[in-house]
Amino acid sequence: MSEQVSKRRAIAQWVTAALAVGGLFVAWFLAELHVQAVIGEAVEGALCGAHQSIDCESAIHSDFAELFGIPIALLGVSFYAAVLMIALFDRPAVRNSSDPFRPGAIAASTFAVGVAYSIFLAGVSAFELGTFCPYCAMLYGINMVGLISASFWAGEKPHRLMIEQFRNPTQFFNGWTGAFAFAFGAVLLAGTSVLNTQVEEGISEQYEEANGAAASAEVDTDAYRVDDAPAKGSEDAPVHIVEFSNFPCPFCGELAGSLDRLHEEYGDKVRIEFRHFPIASQEHGFQAAQAAYCAHEQERFWEMHDLLFANAPQHDADSIDRYARQIGLNGQAFSECLDSERARQRVEQDVEAGRQLGIDGTPTFFVNGQRHQGALSFEMLEQLVEPVLGR
């Protein structure tokens, strides 16, 4: 191998390392945004609100934000850390060898997988979510350039490397693949621990707020309650809970489960009322809210409520029609309502009320005038209810 080729591969090695560092920072930032979403805070990033179609929240709240229950962003952090590790410790004798599992070859193959998955996620963003996540796009770009630089580092085209690797599977079990796997696993475990700690701390803060340590000033009842809101529980209940919620939001679904259990436990001692706060960037969110309103007209709100959360984010027209038939709604009346001005105006009325209250994320709810946010567990909701009931 000529000295010039060897030098070019060395440069590509360090370019790949630099890209891995950049990927680490962006992926970890996305992981932090994921924590914000889990604890029910509004997802905020410097570039996320630049335009109505530029939205990080819909991407992070989507079903595609996790893989096997692990945040995609954290998998990215682990991947970039592993690439950086083998790039830093690669040496000329190994770099210039023909080993199909040399560091450059490992990086090129895994970047190729990353590019393929990036294309898939970009398609989901464009055609499923209808929004653009700028930080996700940064990682897509890093993966693409990383594939090119890692290919130069390996000195071979990625598809040829992968073919060679498939032909020599027994060589997979070498020190470099082991080091890559170890670094990936170690960072994944450490990152999971850090993110879980952040989630626990965030929920603990909400727990303190729920007990009055950091509760906000009471809000006037007329600001968040309306007479015809869907409700369960006695009007004379000593505890009134009014939630502003959004059917495509998975954390709203979690809170809904906690509130259902609360209602089962306390019955008419707790009244739960529902108001709509769909997010414009989430496809079908407004349509799902209208469907729930129309089900409410036929006294089937809570049945539709449960189906919409259970099947989120499948809220397209065909799915909603199926849910309506499933709970026994009058199809003609339901269709007329969906197309009506009154359904649209009612949802917009709830959204405007939420905006006047300064709501910027879901779920947000009020307990006897005290504002709270996030998918609080049943146990945490109990801490709000028990003192009012004098237990």
Protein backbone atom coordinates (compact mmCIF):
# COMPACT_ATOMS: atom_id res chain seq x y z
CA MET A 1 0.00 0.00 0.00
CA SER A 2 1.34 3.39 -0.98
CA GLU A 3 2.15 5.98 1.65
CA GLN A 4 -0.35 8.36 0.06
CA VAL A 5 -3.21 5.85 0.38
CA SER A 6 -2.23 5.08 3.95
CA LYS A 7 -2.20 8.79 4.79
CA ARG A 8 -5.62 9.27 3.19
CA ARG A 9 -7.06 6.44 5.25
CA ALA A 10 -5.56 7.92 8.42
CA ILE A 11 -7.18 11.28 7.68
CA ALA A 12 -10.52 9.54 7.08
CA GLN A 13 -10.12 7.78 10.42
CA TRP A 14 -9.88 11.07 12.30
CA VAL A 15 -12.66 12.68 10.26
CA THR A 16 -14.87 9.76 11.30
CA ALA A 17 -13.84 10.28 14.91
CA ALA A 18 -14.77 13.97 14.68
CA LEU A 19 -18.16 13.09 13.20
CA ALA A 20 -18.72 10.63 16.04
CA VAL A 21 -18.07 13.41 18.55
CA GLY A 22 -20.60 15.63 16.79
CA GLY A 23 -23.12 12.79 16.70
CA LEU A 24 -22.60 12.21 20.43
CA PHE A 25 -23.55 15.78 21.31
CA VAL A 26 -26.61 15.92 19.05
CA ALA A 27 -27.88 12.47 20.05
CA TRP A 28 -27.47 13.23 23.75
CA PHE A 29 -29.37 16.51 23.30
CA LEU A 30 -32.21 14.54 21.70
CA ALA A 31 -32.08 12.11 24.63
CA GLU A 32 -32.51 15.06 26.99
CA LEU A 33 -35.54 16.20 24.97
CA HIS A 34 -36.90 12.68 25.38
CA VAL A 35 -36.66 13.09 29.16
CA GLN A 36 -38.65 16.33 28.89
CA ALA A 37 -41.36 14.46 27.02
CA VAL A 38 -41.45 11.55 29.49
CA ILE A 39 -42.04 13.80 32.50
CA GLY A 40 -44.68 15.75 30.61
CA GLU A 41 -42.84 19.00 29.97
CA ALA A 42 -43.08 20.86 26.68
CA VAL A 43 -40.24 19.73 24.43
CA GLU A 44 -38.01 22.74 23.90
CA GLY A 45 -35.01 23.02 21.59
CA ALA A 46 -33.37 26.07 20.09
CA LEU A 47 -34.40 25.11 16.55
CA CYS A 48 -37.63 23.28 17.31
CA GLY A 49 -40.07 26.17 17.03
CA ALA A 50 -38.58 28.09 14.13
CA HIS A 51 -41.58 27.25 11.90
CA GLN A 52 -44.92 25.48 12.34
CA SER A 53 -43.64 22.52 10.30
CA ILE A 54 -40.41 22.33 12.34
CA ASP A 55 -41.35 20.41 15.43
CA CYS A 56 -39.27 18.17 17.69
CA GLU A 57 -42.18 17.21 19.93
CA SER A 58 -44.15 15.19 17.38
CA ALA A 59 -41.03 13.15 16.54
CA ILE A 60 -40.17 12.49 20.18
CA HIS A 61 -43.78 11.62 21.07
CA SER A 62 -44.16 9.26 18.11
CA ASP A 63 -44.00 5.47 18.31
CA PHE A 64 -40.78 5.62 16.29
CA ALA A 65 -38.87 7.51 19.00
CA GLU A 66 -38.08 4.22 20.70
CA LEU A 67 -36.84 0.83 19.56
CA PHE A 68 -37.56 -2.11 21.86
CA GLY A 69 -38.39 0.39 24.59
CA ILE A 70 -35.03 2.20 24.27
CA PRO A 71 -34.95 5.82 23.06
CA ILE A 72 -33.50 5.97 19.53
CA ALA A 73 -31.40 8.94 20.65
CA LEU A 74 -29.72 6.86 23.37
CA LEU A 75 -28.95 4.10 20.86
CA GLY A 76 -27.35 6.80 18.74
CA VAL A 77 -25.24 7.99 21.67
CA SER A 78 -24.02 4.44 22.24
CA PHE A 79 -23.24 3.94 18.55
CA TYR A 80 -21.23 7.15 18.19
CA ALA A 81 -19.35 6.42 21.42
CA ALA A 82 -18.38 2.96 20.15
CA VAL A 83 -17.23 4.34 16.79
CA LEU A 84 -15.19 7.01 18.56
CA MET A 85 -13.55 4.43 20.79
CA ILE A 86 -12.36 2.15 17.97
CA ALA A 87 -11.30 5.19 15.92
CA LEU A 88 -9.13 6.49 18.75
CA PHE A 89 -7.40 3.15 19.31
CA ASP A 90 -7.00 1.99 15.72
CA ARG A 91 -3.38 1.77 14.60
CA PRO A 92 -1.68 1.70 11.15
CA ALA A 93 -0.98 -2.04 11.08
CA VAL A 94 -4.64 -2.84 11.75
CA ARG A 95 -6.02 0.01 9.67
CA ASN A 96 -4.14 -1.10 6.56
CA SER A 97 -4.89 -4.81 6.97
CA SER A 98 -7.46 -6.81 5.01
CA ASP A 99 -9.31 -8.04 8.10
CA PRO A 100 -13.06 -7.76 7.25
CA PHE A 101 -13.71 -6.73 10.84
CA ARG A 102 -10.99 -4.11 11.21
CA PRO A 103 -12.15 -0.87 12.93
CA GLY A 104 -12.74 1.05 9.70
CA ALA A 105 -14.79 -1.83 8.28
CA ILE A 106 -16.87 -2.09 11.46
CA ALA A 107 -17.55 1.64 11.38
CA ALA A 108 -18.47 1.61 7.67
CA SER A 109 -20.90 -1.31 8.10
CA THR A 110 -22.62 0.16 11.13
CA PHE A 111 -22.83 3.60 9.51
CA ALA A 112 -24.46 1.90 6.51
CA VAL A 113 -27.12 0.47 8.82
CA GLY A 114 -27.48 3.91 10.40
CA VAL A 115 -28.01 5.54 7.00
CA ALA A 116 -30.67 2.97 6.09
CA TYR A 117 -32.51 3.62 9.35
CA SER A 118 -32.11 7.38 8.87
CA ILE A 119 -33.84 7.12 5.50
CA PHE A 120 -36.67 5.18 7.14
CA LEU A 121 -37.08 7.79 9.91
CA ALA A 122 -36.93 10.64 7.40
CA GLY A 123 -39.77 8.96 5.52
CA VAL A 124 -41.78 8.61 8.73
CA SER A 125 -41.19 12.29 9.48
CA ALA A 126 -42.28 13.41 6.01
CA PHE A 127 -45.20 11.09 5.35
CA GLU A 128 -46.44 9.94 8.77
CA LEU A 129 -45.80 12.91 11.07
CA GLY A 130 -45.74 15.71 8.52
CA THR A 131 -43.13 17.62 10.50
CA PHE A 132 -39.38 18.19 10.40
CA CYS A 133 -37.08 17.57 13.38
CA PRO A 134 -33.88 19.61 12.82
CA TYR A 135 -31.76 17.66 15.31
CA CYS A 136 -32.84 14.36 13.78
CA ALA A 137 -31.84 15.76 10.39
CA MET A 138 -28.40 16.63 11.78
CA LEU A 139 -27.89 12.99 12.73
CA TYR A 140 -29.07 11.86 9.31
CA GLY A 141 -26.39 14.09 7.78
CA ILE A 142 -23.72 12.89 10.19
CA ASN A 143 -24.58 9.29 9.35
CA MET A 144 -24.34 9.95 5.62
CA VAL A 145 -20.99 11.74 5.83
CA GLY A 146 -19.80 9.19 8.40
CA LEU A 147 -20.53 6.37 5.95
CA ILE A 148 -18.36 8.09 3.33
CA SER A 149 -15.47 8.85 5.70
CA ALA A 150 -15.57 5.37 7.28
CA SER A 151 -15.47 3.81 3.82
CA PHE A 152 -12.31 5.77 3.04
CA TRP A 153 -10.95 4.76 6.45
CA ALA A 154 -11.60 1.11 5.64
CA GLY A 155 -10.28 1.57 2.10
CA GLU A 156 -13.24 -0.22 0.54
CA LYS A 157 -16.84 0.44 -0.49
CA PRO A 158 -19.35 -0.39 2.27
CA HIS A 159 -21.40 -2.92 0.28
CA ARG A 160 -18.24 -4.88 -0.55
CA LEU A 161 -17.20 -4.77 3.09
CA MET A 162 -20.55 -6.13 4.22
CA ILE A 163 -20.42 -8.92 1.62
CA GLU A 164 -16.94 -9.82 2.83
CA GLN A 165 -18.13 -9.79 6.44
CA PHE A 166 -21.04 -12.11 5.64
CA ARG A 167 -18.67 -14.47 3.90
CA ASN A 168 -16.35 -14.58 6.91
CA PRO A 169 -18.64 -14.71 9.96
CA THR A 170 -16.12 -16.64 12.04
CA GLN A 171 -13.78 -13.62 11.98
CA PHE A 172 -16.47 -11.52 13.67
CA PHE A 173 -15.30 -12.66 17.08
CA ASN A 174 -12.14 -10.61 17.26
CA GLY A 175 -10.90 -7.98 19.66
CA TRP A 176 -12.23 -5.02 17.69
CA THR A 177 -15.81 -6.22 17.39
CA GLY A 178 -15.66 -7.14 21.05
CA ALA A 179 -14.39 -3.66 21.93
CA PHE A 180 -17.11 -2.05 19.79
CA ALA A 181 -19.82 -4.17 21.44
CA PHE A 182 -18.42 -3.51 24.92
CA ALA A 183 -18.32 0.26 24.38
CA PHE A 184 -21.81 0.26 22.90
CA GLY A 185 -23.25 -1.77 25.78
CA ALA A 186 -21.43 0.14 28.50
CA VAL A 187 -22.56 3.53 27.20
CA LEU A 188 -26.10 2.25 26.70
CA LEU A 189 -26.29 1.02 30.31
CA ALA A 190 -24.73 4.21 31.69
CA GLY A 191 -26.95 6.41 29.55
CA THR A 192 -30.06 4.51 30.57
CA SER A 193 -29.12 4.97 34.22
CA VAL A 194 -28.57 8.71 33.77
CA LEU A 195 -31.82 9.26 31.86
CA ASN A 196 -33.80 7.18 34.36
CA THR A 197 -32.36 9.26 37.19
CA GLN A 198 -33.35 12.45 35.40
CA VAL A 199 -36.87 11.12 34.87
CA GLU A 200 -37.14 10.14 38.54
CA GLU A 201 -35.92 13.56 39.63
CA GLY A 202 -38.35 15.28 37.29
CA ILE A 203 -41.24 13.20 38.58
CA SER A 204 -40.08 13.84 42.15
CA GLU A 205 -40.32 17.57 41.51
CA GLN A 206 -43.85 17.06 40.26
CA TYR A 207 -44.50 14.96 43.35
CA GLU A 208 -43.40 17.82 45.57
CA GLU A 209 -45.58 20.17 43.58
CA ALA A 210 -48.48 17.78 43.98
CA ASN A 211 -48.03 17.98 47.76
CA GLY A 212 -48.02 21.76 47.74
CA ALA A 213 -44.26 22.31 48.06
CA ALA A 214 -44.04 23.93 44.66
CA ALA A 215 -47.70 24.25 43.67
CA SER A 216 -48.68 27.25 41.63
CA ALA A 217 -51.25 29.79 42.75
CA GLU A 218 -54.85 28.69 42.47
CA VAL A 219 -56.53 29.33 39.13
CA ASP A 220 -60.07 30.65 38.96
CA THR A 221 -62.45 27.77 38.34
CA ASP A 222 -64.19 29.59 35.49
CA ALA A 223 -60.89 29.72 33.59
CA TYR A 224 -60.62 25.99 33.08
CA ARG A 225 -64.10 24.51 33.59
CA VAL A 226 -67.14 24.48 31.30
CA ASP A 227 -70.57 23.10 32.10
CA ASP A 228 -70.81 20.65 29.20
CA ALA A 229 -67.34 19.07 29.45
CA PRO A 230 -67.28 15.25 29.43
CA ALA A 231 -67.10 14.18 33.05
CA LYS A 232 -67.39 11.27 35.45
CA GLY A 233 -67.98 11.56 39.14
CA SER A 234 -70.44 13.62 41.17
CA GLU A 235 -70.78 17.36 40.58
CA ASP A 236 -70.68 17.72 44.37
CA ALA A 237 -67.39 15.82 44.68
CA PRO A 238 -64.89 17.47 47.04
CA VAL A 239 -62.13 16.95 44.44
CA HIS A 240 -62.43 18.27 40.90
CA ILE A 241 -59.80 17.32 38.31
CA VAL A 242 -59.88 18.97 34.88
CA GLU A 243 -57.37 17.69 32.34
CA PHE A 244 -56.30 19.32 29.08
CA SER A 245 -55.26 16.38 26.96
CA ASN A 246 -54.37 15.23 23.46
CA PHE A 247 -55.18 11.80 22.08
CA PRO A 248 -51.97 11.19 20.03
CA CYS A 249 -49.86 11.99 23.13
CA PRO A 250 -48.64 8.75 24.80
CA PHE A 251 -48.08 10.50 28.13
CA CYS A 252 -51.67 11.75 28.09
CA GLY A 253 -52.65 8.11 27.69
CA GLU A 254 -50.59 7.22 30.76
CA LEU A 255 -52.29 9.93 32.82
CA ALA A 256 -55.67 8.75 31.55
CA GLY A 257 -54.91 5.31 32.95
CA SER A 258 -53.99 6.79 36.33
CA LEU A 259 -57.17 8.89 36.37
CA ASP A 260 -59.28 5.83 35.49
CA ARG A 261 -57.82 3.99 38.45
CA LEU A 262 -58.39 7.04 40.65
CA HIS A 263 -62.05 7.10 39.64
CA GLU A 264 -62.41 3.39 40.37
CA GLU A 265 -60.82 3.87 43.79
CA TYR A 266 -62.66 7.01 44.93
CA GLY A 267 -65.88 6.94 42.91
CA ASP A 268 -68.05 10.04 43.31
CA LYS A 269 -65.62 11.64 45.73
CA VAL A 270 -63.55 12.69 42.70
CA ARG A 271 -64.95 14.33 39.58
CA ILE A 272 -62.84 14.11 36.42
CA GLU A 273 -63.50 16.43 33.49
CA PHE A 274 -61.87 16.38 30.06
CA ARG A 275 -60.93 19.24 27.77
CA HIS A 276 -59.19 19.04 24.41
CA PHE A 277 -55.77 20.45 23.61
CA PRO A 278 -54.63 18.88 20.29
CA ILE A 279 -51.20 19.91 18.99
CA ALA A 280 -51.39 21.31 15.46
CA SER A 281 -48.27 19.48 14.27
CA GLN A 282 -49.60 16.04 15.20
CA GLU A 283 -51.50 14.45 12.36
CA HIS A 284 -55.15 13.63 13.10
CA GLY A 285 -54.99 15.08 16.62
CA PHE A 286 -57.70 17.66 15.94
CA GLN A 287 -59.80 15.06 14.11
CA ALA A 288 -59.55 12.69 17.06
CA ALA A 289 -60.71 15.48 19.40
CA GLN A 290 -63.71 16.16 17.18
CA ALA A 291 -64.53 12.43 17.12
CA ALA A 292 -64.50 12.36 20.93
CA TYR A 293 -66.78 15.40 21.03
CA CYS A 294 -69.21 13.75 18.61
CA ALA A 295 -69.19 10.57 20.69
CA HIS A 296 -69.99 12.77 23.70
CA GLU A 297 -73.13 13.96 21.91
CA GLN A 298 -74.29 10.34 21.91
CA GLU A 299 -73.17 9.82 25.53
CA ARG A 300 -70.28 7.57 24.50
CA PHE A 301 -67.38 9.92 25.18
CA TRP A 302 -65.44 7.73 27.60
CA GLU A 303 -65.71 4.68 25.36
CA MET A 304 -64.29 6.69 22.45
CA HIS A 305 -61.73 8.27 24.80
CA ASP A 306 -60.41 4.84 25.79
CA LEU A 307 -60.25 3.57 22.20
CA LEU A 308 -58.44 6.66 20.92
CA PHE A 309 -55.78 6.37 23.61
CA ALA A 310 -55.49 2.59 23.28
CA ASN A 311 -54.93 2.82 19.52
CA ALA A 312 -52.90 6.04 19.33
CA PRO A 313 -51.71 7.36 16.96
CA GLN A 314 -54.11 5.54 14.60
CA HIS A 315 -56.60 8.37 14.30
CA ASP A 316 -57.18 8.52 10.56
CA ALA A 317 -60.74 8.72 9.22
CA ASP A 318 -61.09 4.97 8.60
CA SER A 319 -59.88 4.12 12.11
CA ILE A 320 -62.23 6.65 13.71
CA ASP A 321 -65.18 5.22 11.75
CA ARG A 322 -64.21 1.77 13.00
CA TYR A 323 -64.09 2.97 16.61
CA ALA A 324 -67.52 4.58 16.21
CA ARG A 325 -69.02 1.30 15.00
CA GLN A 326 -67.20 -0.59 17.75
CA ILE A 327 -68.89 1.44 20.52
CA GLY A 328 -72.27 1.39 18.79
CA LEU A 329 -72.64 5.02 17.69
CA ASN A 330 -75.31 6.11 15.23
CA GLY A 331 -73.17 6.31 12.11
CA GLN A 332 -75.19 8.95 10.29
CA ALA A 333 -75.38 11.28 13.29
CA PHE A 334 -71.68 10.74 14.02
CA SER A 335 -70.64 11.58 10.44
CA GLU A 336 -72.85 14.68 10.43
CA CYS A 337 -71.29 15.83 13.67
CA LEU A 338 -67.72 15.28 12.44
CA ASP A 339 -68.38 17.55 9.46
CA SER A 340 -70.19 20.16 11.52
CA GLU A 341 -69.05 23.60 12.55
CA ARG A 342 -70.08 22.99 16.17
CA ALA A 343 -67.55 20.16 16.59
CA ARG A 344 -64.73 22.29 15.23
CA GLN A 345 -65.72 25.30 17.33
CA ARG A 346 -65.94 23.27 20.51
CA VAL A 347 -62.43 21.87 20.13
CA GLU A 348 -61.12 25.34 19.26
CA GLN A 349 -62.86 26.71 22.35
CA ASP A 350 -60.95 24.25 24.54
CA VAL A 351 -57.66 25.02 22.78
CA GLU A 352 -58.15 28.77 23.24
CA ALA A 353 -58.97 28.28 26.92
CA GLY A 354 -55.75 26.28 27.30
CA ARG A 355 -53.73 28.99 25.61
CA GLN A 356 -55.23 31.63 27.88
CA LEU A 357 -54.09 29.51 30.81
CA GLY A 358 -50.54 29.38 29.40
CA ILE A 359 -50.65 25.66 28.65
CA ASP A 360 -47.79 24.68 26.35
CA GLY A 361 -47.67 20.92 26.79
CA THR A 362 -49.87 17.96 27.51
CA PRO A 363 -51.04 16.54 29.76
CA THR A 364 -51.78 19.56 31.96
CA PHE A 365 -54.46 19.31 34.62
CA PHE A 366 -56.01 21.23 37.49
CA VAL A 367 -56.90 19.78 40.88
CA ASN A 368 -59.20 22.11 42.82
CA GLY A 369 -57.52 25.08 41.19
CA GLN A 370 -53.93 23.85 41.46
CA ARG A 371 -52.13 23.35 38.15
CA HIS A 372 -50.01 20.25 37.49
CA GLN A 373 -48.30 18.81 34.45
CA GLY A 374 -47.12 15.40 33.35
CA ALA A 375 -48.15 11.76 33.45
CA LEU A 376 -48.44 11.45 37.21
CA SER A 377 -48.90 7.94 38.55
CA PHE A 378 -51.93 6.80 40.52
CA GLU A 379 -49.88 7.00 43.73
CA MET A 380 -48.93 10.60 43.03
CA LEU A 381 -52.52 11.52 42.24
CA GLU A 382 -53.50 9.98 45.56
CA GLN A 383 -51.20 12.47 47.26
CA LEU A 384 -53.36 15.24 45.78
CA VAL A 385 -56.65 13.65 46.69
CA GLU A 386 -56.06 12.34 50.22
CA PRO A 387 -55.45 15.69 52.00
CA VAL A 388 -58.64 17.16 50.50
CA LEU A 389 -60.66 14.16 51.69
CA GLY A 390 -59.15 14.51 55.16
CA ARG A 391 -57.44 11.13 55.20
